[in-house]
Amino acid sequence: MKIKVKLTGILAASAGFREKEIEMPEGTTIAEALTIINIPVSGEWTKSSVNGSLRGKNYVLNDGDELLFFPVGGGG
């Protein structure tokens, strides 16, 4: 199945892309997608949405989904 992956902020800078269509196996979860994409940032520091709705890491993706990863805000 094909998923459109979008990244923002430091995630895009770390991965070297902002938007890319990626082939993934049927039944891939968001957590597995993080591994497949291989973003060099801890998954603990990211949130995700699928087709505009926030989703947990165990959410199973479907063909044609738009998966957005964005960094969790921080301050100090």
PDB file of N, CA and C in Angstrom:
ATOM      1  N   MET A   1       0.842  -1.178   0.000  1.00  0.00           N
ATOM      2  CA  MET A   1       0.000   0.000   0.000  1.00  0.00           C
ATOM      3  C   MET A   1       0.883   1.235   0.000  1.00  0.00           C
ATOM      4  N   LYS A   2       0.350   2.333  -0.519  1.00  0.00           N
ATOM      5  CA  LYS A   2       1.101   3.584  -0.568  1.00  0.00           C
ATOM      6  C   LYS A   2       0.521   4.562   0.442  1.00  0.00           C
ATOM      7  N   ILE A   3       1.430   5.203   1.174  1.00  0.00           N
ATOM      8  CA  ILE A   3       1.069   6.191   2.184  1.00  0.00           C
ATOM      9  C   ILE A   3       1.793   7.484   1.852  1.00  0.00           C
ATOM     10  N   LYS A   4       1.105   8.616   1.953  1.00  0.00           N
ATOM     11  CA  LYS A   4       1.773   9.900   1.799  1.00  0.00           C
ATOM     12  C   LYS A   4       2.246  10.324   3.189  1.00  0.00           C
ATOM     13  N   VAL A   5       3.550  10.489   3.338  1.00  0.00           N
ATOM     14  CA  VAL A   5       4.145  10.868   4.616  1.00  0.00           C
ATOM     15  C   VAL A   5       4.560  12.329   4.553  1.00  0.00           C
ATOM     16  N   LYS A   6       4.135  13.087   5.565  1.00  0.00           N
ATOM     17  CA  LYS A   6       4.524  14.489   5.672  1.00  0.00           C
ATOM     18  C   LYS A   6       5.236  14.700   7.000  1.00  0.00           C
ATOM     19  N   LEU A   7       6.292  15.501   6.964  1.00  0.00           N
ATOM     20  CA  LEU A   7       7.067  15.820   8.165  1.00  0.00           C
ATOM     21  C   LEU A   7       7.146  17.325   8.328  1.00  0.00           C
ATOM     22  N   THR A   8       7.212  17.780   9.572  1.00  0.00           N
ATOM     23  CA  THR A   8       7.374  19.206   9.828  1.00  0.00           C
ATOM     24  C   THR A   8       8.561  19.435  10.747  1.00  0.00           C
ATOM     25  N   GLY A   9       8.995  20.675  10.793  1.00  0.00           N
ATOM     26  CA  GLY A   9      10.036  21.103  11.720  1.00  0.00           C
ATOM     27  C   GLY A   9      11.315  20.301  11.642  1.00  0.00           C
ATOM     28  N   ILE A  10      11.852  19.981  12.816  1.00  0.00           N
ATOM     29  CA  ILE A  10      13.124  19.266  12.907  1.00  0.00           C
ATOM     30  C   ILE A  10      13.031  17.872  12.290  1.00  0.00           C
ATOM     31  N   LEU A  11      11.841  17.301  12.272  1.00  0.00           N
ATOM     32  CA  LEU A  11      11.689  15.979  11.654  1.00  0.00           C
ATOM     33  C   LEU A  11      12.002  16.038  10.161  1.00  0.00           C
ATOM     34  N   ALA A  12      11.474  17.050   9.479  1.00  0.00           N
ATOM     35  CA  ALA A  12      11.744  17.216   8.048  1.00  0.00           C
ATOM     36  C   ALA A  12      13.229  17.492   7.814  1.00  0.00           C
ATOM     37  N   ALA A  13      13.800  18.329   8.656  1.00  0.00           N
ATOM     38  CA  ALA A  13      15.223  18.649   8.513  1.00  0.00           C
ATOM     39  C   ALA A  13      16.085  17.406   8.730  1.00  0.00           C
ATOM     40  N   SER A  14      15.721  16.574   9.695  1.00  0.00           N
ATOM     41  CA  SER A  14      16.496  15.372  10.000  1.00  0.00           C
ATOM     42  C   SER A  14      16.366  14.307   8.917  1.00  0.00           C
ATOM     43  N   ALA A  15      15.162  14.164   8.365  1.00  0.00           N
ATOM     44  CA  ALA A  15      14.920  13.121   7.365  1.00  0.00           C
ATOM     45  C   ALA A  15      15.320  13.551   5.960  1.00  0.00           C
ATOM     46  N   GLY A  16      15.386  14.861   5.723  1.00  0.00           N
ATOM     47  CA  GLY A  16      15.756  15.353   4.402  1.00  0.00           C
ATOM     48  C   GLY A  16      14.598  15.472   3.429  1.00  0.00           C
ATOM     49  N   PHE A  17      13.366  15.369   3.936  1.00  0.00           N
ATOM     50  CA  PHE A  17      12.197  15.583   3.075  1.00  0.00           C
ATOM     51  C   PHE A  17      11.033  16.098   3.908  1.00  0.00           C
ATOM     52  N   ARG A  18      10.112  16.777   3.230  1.00  0.00           N
ATOM     53  CA  ARG A  18       8.893  17.267   3.878  1.00  0.00           C
ATOM     54  C   ARG A  18       7.679  16.410   3.509  1.00  0.00           C
ATOM     55  N   GLU A  19       7.700  15.877   2.303  1.00  0.00           N
ATOM     56  CA  GLU A  19       6.567  15.082   1.827  1.00  0.00           C
ATOM     57  C   GLU A  19       7.077  14.023   0.866  1.00  0.00           C
ATOM     58  N   LYS A  20       6.584  12.790   1.052  1.00  0.00           N
ATOM     59  CA  LYS A  20       7.039  11.692   0.202  1.00  0.00           C
ATOM     60  C   LYS A  20       5.990  10.585   0.226  1.00  0.00           C
ATOM     61  N   GLU A  21       5.790   9.955  -0.916  1.00  0.00           N
ATOM     62  CA  GLU A  21       4.909   8.793  -0.971  1.00  0.00           C
ATOM     63  C   GLU A  21       5.775   7.560  -0.762  1.00  0.00           C
ATOM     64  N   ILE A  22       5.369   6.712   0.202  1.00  0.00           N
ATOM     65  CA  ILE A  22       6.182   5.558   0.579  1.00  0.00           C
ATOM     66  C   ILE A  22       5.334   4.290   0.520  1.00  0.00           C
ATOM     67  N   GLU A  23       5.900   3.249  -0.050  1.00  0.00           N
ATOM     68  CA  GLU A  23       5.259   1.938  -0.108  1.00  0.00           C
ATOM     69  C   GLU A  23       5.493   1.232   1.231  1.00  0.00           C
ATOM     70  N   MET A  24       4.405   0.723   1.822  1.00  0.00           N
ATOM     71  CA  MET A  24       4.488   0.016   3.100  1.00  0.00           C
ATOM     72  C   MET A  24       3.653  -1.247   3.015  1.00  0.00           C
ATOM     73  N   PRO A  25       4.003  -2.258   3.830  1.00  0.00           N
ATOM     74  CA  PRO A  25       3.207  -3.492   3.839  1.00  0.00           C
ATOM     75  C   PRO A  25       1.803  -3.248   4.396  1.00  0.00           C
ATOM     76  N   GLU A  26       0.830  -4.018   3.922  1.00  0.00           N
ATOM     77  CA  GLU A  26      -0.529  -3.949   4.468  1.00  0.00           C
ATOM     78  C   GLU A  26      -0.456  -4.198   5.972  1.00  0.00           C
ATOM     79  N   GLY A  27      -1.278  -3.484   6.725  1.00  0.00           N
ATOM     80  CA  GLY A  27      -1.341  -3.675   8.174  1.00  0.00           C
ATOM     81  C   GLY A  27      -0.282  -2.942   8.969  1.00  0.00           C
ATOM     82  N   THR A  28       0.481  -2.049   8.319  1.00  0.00           N
ATOM     83  CA  THR A  28       1.525  -1.299   9.016  1.00  0.00           C
ATOM     84  C   THR A  28       0.905  -0.323  10.016  1.00  0.00           C
ATOM     85  N   THR A  29       1.455  -0.299  11.233  1.00  0.00           N
ATOM     86  CA  THR A  29       1.015   0.673  12.236  1.00  0.00           C
ATOM     87  C   THR A  29       1.854   1.939  12.128  1.00  0.00           C
ATOM     88  N   ILE A  30       1.423   2.974  12.808  1.00  0.00           N
ATOM     89  CA  ILE A  30       2.199   4.221  12.816  1.00  0.00           C
ATOM     90  C   ILE A  30       3.577   3.972  13.414  1.00  0.00           C
ATOM     91  N   ALA A  31       3.658   3.187  14.488  1.00  0.00           N
ATOM     92  CA  ALA A  31       4.960   2.878  15.101  1.00  0.00           C
ATOM     93  C   ALA A  31       5.876   2.175  14.099  1.00  0.00           C
ATOM     94  N   GLU A  32       5.327   1.236  13.339  1.00  0.00           N
ATOM     95  CA  GLU A  32       6.132   0.532  12.327  1.00  0.00           C
ATOM     96  C   GLU A  32       6.539   1.476  11.205  1.00  0.00           C
ATOM     97  N   ALA A  33       5.647   2.407  10.847  1.00  0.00           N
ATOM     98  CA  ALA A  33       5.968   3.385   9.811  1.00  0.00           C
ATOM     99  C   ALA A  33       7.161   4.242  10.229  1.00  0.00           C
ATOM    100  N   LEU A  34       7.223   4.608  11.508  1.00  0.00           N
ATOM    101  CA  LEU A  34       8.370   5.377  12.003  1.00  0.00           C
ATOM    102  C   LEU A  34       9.668   4.632  11.747  1.00  0.00           C
ATOM    103  N   THR A  35       9.660   3.327  11.971  1.00  0.00           N
ATOM    104  CA  THR A  35      10.852   2.505  11.741  1.00  0.00           C
ATOM    105  C   THR A  35      11.170   2.426  10.259  1.00  0.00           C
ATOM    106  N   ILE A  36      10.146   2.236   9.431  1.00  0.00           N
ATOM    107  CA  ILE A  36      10.347   2.137   7.982  1.00  0.00           C
ATOM    108  C   ILE A  36      10.917   3.440   7.423  1.00  0.00           C
ATOM    109  N   ILE A  37      10.379   4.566   7.876  1.00  0.00           N
ATOM    110  CA  ILE A  37      10.835   5.871   7.391  1.00  0.00           C
ATOM    111  C   ILE A  37      12.239   6.185   7.895  1.00  0.00           C
ATOM    112  N   ASN A  38      12.563   5.662   9.077  1.00  0.00           N
ATOM    113  CA  ASN A  38      13.890   5.823   9.669  1.00  0.00           C
ATOM    114  C   ASN A  38      14.245   7.281   9.940  1.00  0.00           C
ATOM    115  N   ILE A  39      13.344   7.986  10.583  1.00  0.00           N
ATOM    116  CA  ILE A  39      13.619   9.361  10.991  1.00  0.00           C
ATOM    117  C   ILE A  39      14.619   9.316  12.137  1.00  0.00           C
ATOM    118  N   PRO A  40      15.725  10.043  12.043  1.00  0.00           N
ATOM    119  CA  PRO A  40      16.750   9.982  13.088  1.00  0.00           C
ATOM    120  C   PRO A  40      16.398  10.804  14.339  1.00  0.00           C
ATOM    121  N   VAL A  41      15.140  10.702  14.767  1.00  0.00           N
ATOM    122  CA  VAL A  41      14.667  11.385  15.969  1.00  0.00           C
ATOM    123  C   VAL A  41      13.806  10.381  16.723  1.00  0.00           C
ATOM    124  N   SER A  42      13.889  10.376  18.041  1.00  0.00           N
ATOM    125  CA  SER A  42      13.121   9.434  18.837  1.00  0.00           C
ATOM    126  C   SER A  42      11.628   9.562  18.579  1.00  0.00           C
ATOM    127  N   GLY A  43      10.950   8.437  18.414  1.00  0.00           N
ATOM    128  CA  GLY A  43       9.511   8.416  18.230  1.00  0.00           C
ATOM    129  C   GLY A  43       8.752   8.967  19.426  1.00  0.00           C
ATOM    130  N   GLU A  44       9.403   9.007  20.586  1.00  0.00           N
ATOM    131  CA  GLU A  44       8.778   9.549  21.789  1.00  0.00           C
ATOM    132  C   GLU A  44       8.571  11.058  21.676  1.00  0.00           C
ATOM    133  N   TRP A  45       9.297  11.689  20.783  1.00  0.00           N
ATOM    134  CA  TRP A  45       9.225  13.144  20.633  1.00  0.00           C
ATOM    135  C   TRP A  45       8.343  13.547  19.458  1.00  0.00           C
ATOM    136  N   THR A  46       7.537  12.610  18.979  1.00  0.00           N
ATOM    137  CA  THR A  46       6.677  12.919  17.847  1.00  0.00           C
ATOM    138  C   THR A  46       5.211  12.633  18.167  1.00  0.00           C
ATOM    139  N   LYS A  47       4.358  13.338  17.497  1.00  0.00           N
ATOM    140  CA  LYS A  47       2.924  13.065  17.470  1.00  0.00           C
ATOM    141  C   LYS A  47       2.580  12.797  16.016  1.00  0.00           C
ATOM    142  N   SER A  48       1.431  12.179  15.796  1.00  0.00           N
ATOM    143  CA  SER A  48       1.065  11.855  14.427  1.00  0.00           C
ATOM    144  C   SER A  48      -0.422  12.055  14.203  1.00  0.00           C
ATOM    145  N   SER A  49      -0.739  12.364  12.964  1.00  0.00           N
ATOM    146  CA  SER A  49      -2.146  12.432  12.558  1.00  0.00           C
ATOM    147  C   SER A  49      -2.289  11.686  11.236  1.00  0.00           C
ATOM    148  N   VAL A  50      -3.463  11.115  11.051  1.00  0.00           N
ATOM    149  CA  VAL A  50      -3.785  10.408   9.823  1.00  0.00           C
ATOM    150  C   VAL A  50      -5.024  11.070   9.242  1.00  0.00           C
ATOM    151  N   ASN A  51      -4.869  11.576   8.033  1.00  0.00           N
ATOM    152  CA  ASN A  51      -5.970  12.250   7.345  1.00  0.00           C
ATOM    153  C   ASN A  51      -6.586  13.357   8.200  1.00  0.00           C
ATOM    154  N   GLY A  52      -5.717  14.051   8.964  1.00  0.00           N
ATOM    155  CA  GLY A  52      -6.158  15.205   9.740  1.00  0.00           C
ATOM    156  C   GLY A  52      -6.634  14.923  11.148  1.00  0.00           C
ATOM    157  N   SER A  53      -6.615  13.652  11.590  1.00  0.00           N
ATOM    158  CA  SER A  53      -7.041  13.312  12.947  1.00  0.00           C
ATOM    159  C   SER A  53      -5.878  12.724  13.736  1.00  0.00           C
ATOM    160  N   LEU A  54      -5.668  13.205  14.965  1.00  0.00           N
ATOM    161  CA  LEU A  54      -4.604  12.662  15.805  1.00  0.00           C
ATOM    162  C   LEU A  54      -4.824  11.175  16.026  1.00  0.00           C
ATOM    163  N   ARG A  55      -3.743  10.412  15.934  1.00  0.00           N
ATOM    164  CA  ARG A  55      -3.814   8.960  16.102  1.00  0.00           C
ATOM    165  C   ARG A  55      -2.651   8.477  16.954  1.00  0.00           C
ATOM    166  N   GLY A  56      -2.883   7.391  17.687  1.00  0.00           N
ATOM    167  CA  GLY A  56      -1.837   6.773  18.497  1.00  0.00           C
ATOM    168  C   GLY A  56      -0.915   5.916  17.647  1.00  0.00           C
ATOM    169  N   LYS A  57       0.195   5.521  18.236  1.00  0.00           N
ATOM    170  CA  LYS A  57       1.220   4.763  17.513  1.00  0.00           C
ATOM    171  C   LYS A  57       0.748   3.372  17.069  1.00  0.00           C
ATOM    172  N   ASN A  58      -0.315   2.838  17.684  1.00  0.00           N
ATOM    173  CA  ASN A  58      -0.811   1.510  17.309  1.00  0.00           C
ATOM    174  C   ASN A  58      -1.868   1.546  16.214  1.00  0.00           C
ATOM    175  N   TYR A  59      -2.192   2.721  15.716  1.00  0.00           N
ATOM    176  CA  TYR A  59      -3.183   2.866  14.651  1.00  0.00           C
ATOM    177  C   TYR A  59      -2.690   2.174  13.386  1.00  0.00           C
ATOM    178  N   VAL A  60      -3.535   1.372  12.764  1.00  0.00           N
ATOM    179  CA  VAL A  60      -3.187   0.659  11.530  1.00  0.00           C
ATOM    180  C   VAL A  60      -3.519   1.544  10.325  1.00  0.00           C
ATOM    181  N   LEU A  61      -2.524   1.738   9.479  1.00  0.00           N
ATOM    182  CA  LEU A  61      -2.670   2.591   8.299  1.00  0.00           C
ATOM    183  C   LEU A  61      -3.373   1.858   7.162  1.00  0.00           C
ATOM    184  N   ASN A  62      -3.994   2.626   6.288  1.00  0.00           N
ATOM    185  CA  ASN A  62      -4.681   2.096   5.110  1.00  0.00           C
ATOM    186  C   ASN A  62      -4.102   2.714   3.844  1.00  0.00           C
ATOM    187  N   ASP A  63      -4.259   2.017   2.742  1.00  0.00           N
ATOM    188  CA  ASP A  63      -3.780   2.520   1.455  1.00  0.00           C
ATOM    189  C   ASP A  63      -4.344   3.916   1.197  1.00  0.00           C
ATOM    190  N   GLY A  64      -3.478   4.832   0.798  1.00  0.00           N
ATOM    191  CA  GLY A  64      -3.895   6.187   0.462  1.00  0.00           C
ATOM    192  C   GLY A  64      -3.938   7.155   1.630  1.00  0.00           C
ATOM    193  N   ASP A  65      -3.649   6.678   2.850  1.00  0.00           N
ATOM    194  CA  ASP A  65      -3.659   7.576   4.007  1.00  0.00           C
ATOM    195  C   ASP A  65      -2.576   8.641   3.884  1.00  0.00           C
ATOM    196  N   GLU A  66      -2.852   9.785   4.506  1.00  0.00           N
ATOM    197  CA  GLU A  66      -1.860  10.848   4.621  1.00  0.00           C
ATOM    198  C   GLU A  66      -1.433  10.881   6.080  1.00  0.00           C
ATOM    199  N   LEU A  67      -0.175  10.539   6.323  1.00  0.00           N
ATOM    200  CA  LEU A  67       0.386  10.426   7.657  1.00  0.00           C
ATOM    201  C   LEU A  67       1.304  11.609   7.923  1.00  0.00           C
ATOM    202  N   LEU A  68       0.970  12.384   8.929  1.00  0.00           N
ATOM    203  CA  LEU A  68       1.767  13.559   9.295  1.00  0.00           C
ATOM    204  C   LEU A  68       2.441  13.300  10.626  1.00  0.00           C
ATOM    205  N   PHE A  69       3.762  13.467  10.670  1.00  0.00           N
ATOM    206  CA  PHE A  69       4.529  13.430  11.915  1.00  0.00           C
ATOM    207  C   PHE A  69       4.962  14.851  12.242  1.00  0.00           C
ATOM    208  N   PHE A  70       4.807  15.233  13.497  1.00  0.00           N
ATOM    209  CA  PHE A  70       5.268  16.555  13.909  1.00  0.00           C
ATOM    210  C   PHE A  70       5.893  16.458  15.288  1.00  0.00           C
ATOM    211  N   PRO A  71       6.893  17.301  15.569  1.00  0.00           N
ATOM    212  CA  PRO A  71       7.578  17.232  16.862  1.00  0.00           C
ATOM    213  C   PRO A  71       6.671  17.757  17.986  1.00  0.00           C
ATOM    214  N   VAL A  72       6.828  17.156  19.150  1.00  0.00           N
ATOM    215  CA  VAL A  72       6.133  17.621  20.336  1.00  0.00           C
ATOM    216  C   VAL A  72       6.832  18.899  20.780  1.00  0.00           C
ATOM    217  N   GLY A  73       6.060  19.931  21.066  1.00  0.00           N
ATOM    218  CA  GLY A  73       6.641  21.215  21.474  1.00  0.00           C
ATOM    219  C   GLY A  73       7.417  21.091  22.764  1.00  0.00           C
ATOM    220  N   GLY A  74       8.373  21.937  22.897  1.00  0.00           N
ATOM    221  CA  GLY A  74       9.174  21.976  24.124  1.00  0.00           C
ATOM    222  C   GLY A  74       9.582  23.407  24.384  1.00  0.00           C
ATOM    223  N   GLY A  75      10.068  23.597  25.510  1.00  0.00           N
ATOM    224  CA  GLY A  75      10.495  24.951  25.849  1.00  0.00           C
ATOM    225  C   GLY A  75      11.502  24.905  26.977  1.00  0.00           C
ATOM    226  N   GLY A  76      11.836  26.057  27.434  1.00  0.00           N
ATOM    227  CA  GLY A  76      12.777  26.027  28.547  1.00  0.00           C
ATOM    228  C   GLY A  76      13.404  27.283  28.774  1.00  0.00           C
TER     229      GLY A  76
END
